[in-house]
Amino acid sequence: MSKLKVAFICVHNSCRSQIAEALGKHYAVDVFESYSAGTELKGSINPDAVRLMKQLFRIDMEQT
């Protein structure tokens, strides 16, 4: 049986949805596939989100 696919959506796909996708890939990779998207695209991930994910969870969002 294939895994569920979960999409996390926020406006710019630069912070919250990216964090949710990274956490899903880190903690629930056996349960579902994580994706992020936005209704209005922004050119890059929020640098504060990248920094906090590295600090708190040792997840490098720039790698994924």
Protein backbone atom coordinates (compact mmCIF):
# COMPACT_ATOMS: atom_id res chain seq x y z
CA MET A 1 0.00 0.00 0.00
CA SER A 2 1.34 3.44 -0.89
CA LYS A 3 1.81 6.19 1.68
CA LEU A 4 -0.57 9.11 1.95
CA LYS A 5 0.57 12.37 0.40
CA VAL A 6 0.13 15.46 2.56
CA ALA A 7 0.47 19.01 1.29
CA PHE A 8 1.04 21.88 3.70
CA ILE A 9 -0.20 25.15 2.23
CA CYS A 10 0.48 28.74 3.27
CA VAL A 11 0.44 32.00 1.35
CA HIS A 12 4.05 32.35 0.21
CA ASN A 13 5.44 28.85 0.74
CA SER A 14 8.44 30.42 2.43
CA CYS A 15 8.02 29.68 6.14
CA ARG A 16 5.15 27.75 7.78
CA SER A 17 4.47 25.27 5.00
CA GLN A 18 8.20 24.71 4.51
CA ILE A 19 8.62 24.04 8.26
CA ALA A 20 5.67 21.63 8.24
CA GLU A 21 7.06 19.78 5.22
CA ALA A 22 10.51 19.47 6.81
CA LEU A 23 9.08 18.22 10.11
CA GLY A 24 6.84 15.76 8.28
CA LYS A 25 9.79 14.41 6.32
CA HIS A 26 11.85 14.16 9.49
CA TYR A 27 9.32 12.67 11.91
CA ALA A 28 6.66 10.98 9.78
CA VAL A 29 8.51 9.72 6.71
CA ASP A 30 7.18 6.20 7.40
CA VAL A 31 3.59 7.45 7.62
CA PHE A 32 3.16 9.96 4.78
CA GLU A 33 4.94 11.91 2.05
CA SER A 34 5.24 15.63 2.84
CA TYR A 35 4.97 18.49 0.38
CA SER A 36 4.62 22.25 0.71
CA ALA A 37 3.02 24.83 -1.53
CA GLY A 38 1.80 28.39 -1.52
CA THR A 39 -0.94 30.43 -3.12
CA GLU A 40 1.54 33.20 -3.96
CA LEU A 41 5.11 32.14 -4.59
CA LYS A 42 8.08 33.85 -3.03
CA GLY A 43 11.63 33.51 -4.32
CA SER A 44 13.22 31.92 -1.26
CA ILE A 45 12.64 30.30 2.11
CA ASN A 46 12.48 32.65 5.08
CA PRO A 47 16.04 32.76 6.52
CA ASP A 48 14.70 32.86 10.11
CA ALA A 49 12.78 29.63 9.48
CA VAL A 50 15.92 28.00 8.09
CA ARG A 51 17.97 29.15 11.08
CA LEU A 52 15.41 28.03 13.68
CA MET A 53 14.95 24.59 12.10
CA LYS A 54 18.73 24.09 12.20
CA GLN A 55 18.92 25.26 15.81
CA LEU A 56 15.91 23.43 17.21
CA PHE A 57 15.73 20.24 15.13
CA ARG A 58 19.07 20.02 13.29
CA ILE A 59 17.13 20.01 10.01
CA ASP A 60 18.72 21.84 7.09
CA MET A 61 15.80 23.08 5.00
CA GLU A 62 18.21 24.42 2.37
CA GLN A 63 19.29 20.84 1.63
CA THR A 64 15.77 19.60 0.95
